Amino acid sequence: MFATLLVPLLAAMLAGRASAQGFAEEFSSATLDPAWQVVEYGGPFPRVHGLTAAANRFSLTDNPGHLRYLVEPMTHHDGFVNGFQTTFGEHSCCNHDPGLELRRVVSGENWRFEAKASYFMPFSNGRGLIIRIYFGDGSPGTVYAQFGRHRDGPFPPGTPEGPGAIALLLFEKTGPRANDHVALEQVLVDRNAAETYFFRLERSGGLLEASWSFDGTTWNLGYSHDLGSSIAGVDQHLVLAGQSWFTPAGSFADYDYLRLTATSAATVVTNTNDSGPGSLRQALLDANADLSTPDVITFNIPTSDPGFDGTTFTIQPLSELPVVRQSTVVDGTSQTAFTGDTNPFGPEIVLNGDLQPSGNGLLISGDGNRIESLVLNGFPGLATGVVRNVDPVSTDNAIVGCYVGTDATGTVAVANGSGVFIGGFGSAFAQAQRNRVEGNLISGNLGDAFSTCDAADGLILNNRIGTDRTGTLPLGNGGHGIAFVCAGSPRNRVEGNVIAWNGGDGISDQPDYRFGVAFTAGGHQGNLIRGNSIHSNGGLAIDLIPPPFPPTDAPSTPTPNDPCDGDAGGNLLQNFPDLTRAEIAGGSTVIEGVLDSAPGATYTVELFANAAADPSGFGEAETPLGTVTVTTGASCLGSFSFVHPAPLAAGSFVTATATDAAGNTSELSPPVQVAGGNRPPVADAGADRTVAAGAGCQAAVTLDGSGSSDPDGDPLSFAWSGPFGSAGGATPTVALPLGSHAIRLEVSDGQASASDEVVITVVDRTAPVLSGVPGPIVAECAAPGGTAVAVPAPSATDDCDGAVAVSSDAPALFPLGSTTVTFTAADGAGNAASAATTVSVVDTTPPAIATVVADPPLLWPPNHKLRPVSLIAVATDACDGGDASCRVVGVSSFELPRRDDDSDSDSDDSDSDSDSDDSDDGGRPDWVITGPLTVDLRAERAGNGGGRRYLIEVACTDAAGNSATAEAAVDVPHDRGRGRK
């Protein structure tokens, strides 16, 4: 396998040895790194100085000890061997020296080795591929790393055996033989799926870090090992020993990407500033200042940085960032390694263009650059891509694992003007080549998600375009999902992508043009489109637009087939298949069709399942089903049949594309609907619901299966089961007690059945009933602080709980006036009933007068003058709790009877015998009430009587207006010596 690293390099090195080796003419130009030299071992290998290589779709064939580059398919091949005794296929080889050594010319510098392989494992005979890298010359004490799986290989005890077992191992040599070693570190995983793997080996000083990951399930396994100081000052000998072979059954390797890069010390971004030391801008300037060595830009931004929001680190450029140039890696994954996975939904580093008034995001121009694991959003122009402003034929660049046009969760659009662009010089002869866009989320942008201009041999793999990060929800771009434009965009590979919910076509291949005018009729050829899910876009899933430029047909109009497919244009306007049958047969689905294309050629037909047909009348490509080959005859027609191992949904749709041997993929065919067999019914037990219990604490519930249906129109039978037992019919009525009940419905059309479940919850919503609620109560006020009143309590009964307790809000003491008393009864379900009565506390009791005393009690002498008299009254009220208000309300008088000892001569008043009220006062009355408790009384009595007595009536009134009266007597005696008797 490692020999394949040299595929893009050997042209320049082997030009003088082409005749001797016989294969140099098959290689292209190379970029050399003077820090490495390749030394041949055990065979006629050339000596090559410098190694920086990348290639796609390359492999080795059955030529032991030699390198070969060839197109698929292959039957079996072997690569370098390093001392193993091996027998495979028709070849046998043994005891070869190590095939290739990469020797570090300058010791002690950092370097990184990366390899990526698709369909790495398993191989049909249990064998696989081994990558081995030695540190040293292979003598005892040498450390080497090994990645891969081989059942005969020198693995430690306990290593999984058999197809698909993969190991990442670190050994130390203990002796001269191949198996003389001890394992230092190991990570073992047993996998049997043919998937894509990524391997990285990085040395920084004495620390060796090895890791590998599996894209499909997000593995990230690895370890670090300290090589110590023993290797300091010693040349690095990286002996690459690869084994890879297959049985004649037809399996083959398909390596997408392989690179060995020597790098200087990494440039570290330590803050989110726009510029200055530690900023991304400064890191790019530093990397671009010296293009003689590769650079790695890593991120070690602390969480104390103001650009960290607890999840992501946001860098907001104030102007366009410098273009990434020659052999620079911008590695967003390094931030995860520094601070941990703070953003579980995607990358930790966000480049946001909200503060940038114009221009683009982070662009590449040059060779061997990579942008990895960044969020790029909010830029007015292009978010990222490969452009020609530095290098018109930028090659071997990669944009990997980025979110382009979304937030860091991959669920909300934060639009760029457009997403990803790869462009060359503008000519079919000066193209950006072998650039890779893989594993990205490109959604929510205003324009096209991904477009190319003069880009050849590119890889567009495993991206989600127009969806959220899960690939299942819409987050469309405004334009096309993928667009091939300009001149010379051939041999691009579009595979494993989800392309959905975009405003334009899923994939648009425009006519070939240069600087706005038609250039060639065939510059957009060999663009392989396979294994993608393309659906729900505004235009066609795949749109091959015929020349000239600008297009004369309406946008998103299917290009019709032509007899024998002789027309020209993008992908040669390859004819699509005509599907004639899609029918369920037993446990599988049979799909048949015919392809009209060039005669005597073999094509690959890829089939897709779709829930619905495209409104255009042509196909979507929602779910890839597989492929089948078809060969056309002299009449240009070839028929095919494909059996899908499971029944597709009856009534769904099947579509297809056709791809020729050169990779020209057609538009989607018109759909054919899946039919055949009895289609099962659809059971619908209705929506879950809650009902109220009635009498007897049960609910009479009418079940509803009327939403059930049969796609064939067959009559249905209904069978319900639940706590009631069983019931039939579409809408039976059943009795259900309190609680939640799962009720199952099964419907049958006589051949097939379907079931559904509904949950019906019966709840108690009926409140208790109160009885014996007392009527209004009247009570006499007994004390100023309130009056205790006995209030009879009612009773309550409930339909589900029986007798329930009754509470009230009656106070212990009722105040004066009217108080409402509420009675409440609540059942176990919380239903409550209430009733009320009134308690009226009234004050009808007058105050109690304890004392009324006049001062003075006697008036003397009886001189006919008005004399002032004061009253002292003491009265209390039980309800008011204090003295009542008292006042004089009346005065009366009468003559006392004369006593025997009364003497007429005893009078000091000459008028004492006069009984006239106004004898000396000009007709004034005998008394005058002068105040609440004061009165003037005339000191006067009849001369012939026993004296005169005044009775002063005092009324005392409480706050309620209740009054009591009492009298105080004031006497005017007959004579001075007589008092009141």
Foldseek 3Di string as FASTA:
>chain_A
DVVCQCQQDQLVVCVVPCVVQVASVNYHHDDFAQQKWKDFFQAPDGTGGGGWGKDFFFDAAADELHRDGDHDDHQKHKYFADADFDDAAPDGDGGGHQGMKMKGPDPQFKWKWKFKWFQQWDAPVQAGKKWKWWFDDQAFFIKMWIWADGQPALDDPPQDGGIQKIKTWMWTAHHNHRNRIDTDDMDIDRGHDGGMKMWMWIDHGQKIKIWMATVPPGDTDIDIDGNDCPSPPPMTITRTGMTGIHHSPGDDITTGITTTFGAGDEAEQAAQEQDDPSHPLVSQVVQVVDQSHAYEYEYQYDCVHPQHPQAAREHEHQEEGDEREHRYEDEQVRNCVRPNRSHPQFTRYEYAHQNHPADEAHEYEYENYEYEGYEFAHHAAERYEYDPPPPQAYEHYEYYRYEWQAPRNQAHGRAYQEYYEYEHDQELVTAHEAYEYENYEQFQYAEESYEYARYEHYEDAQYEAQAGNVNPHGREYAYEPYEYEGFAYEQYEHANYEQAAYAAEPYYYAFYHGPQFHDDQARQAQYAHDHYAFDHYNAFNYAFAGDDPPGPDDGRAHDAADAQLCATHHNSQAHFWAWDAWEDDPFKIKTKTKGQHHAFFKKKKWKAWAQDADPNQFHGRHGTQDIDMWHHHPRRMTMDMDIRRGRDQAQTWMWIWIAGPSRRIHGIGRIDGYYYDFHWKFWDFDEAEEEEADFLQKDWAWTARVPIGGPVRADKWKWKQWPQGIDTDRIDIGIDHAAKIKMKIWMGSPPHIDIDIYIYGYAHQDAKDWPDQDAEAEAEAQAQVFAADDGDGIWIQDSPAGTFDKDKPDDRGHHAAKDKIKIWTADPRGHMDIDIYIYHYHHQDWWAKDDKEKVPQEDPDLPQDWDKIFIDTFIGDRRNGGTFQKFWDDKDKDFDAADPPQDLVQHPDPCQQDADNPPPPPPDGQKARDDRGMMIGRLHDHQPGQWMKMWTKMWTAHPNGHIDIDTYIHINGNHDVDDDD
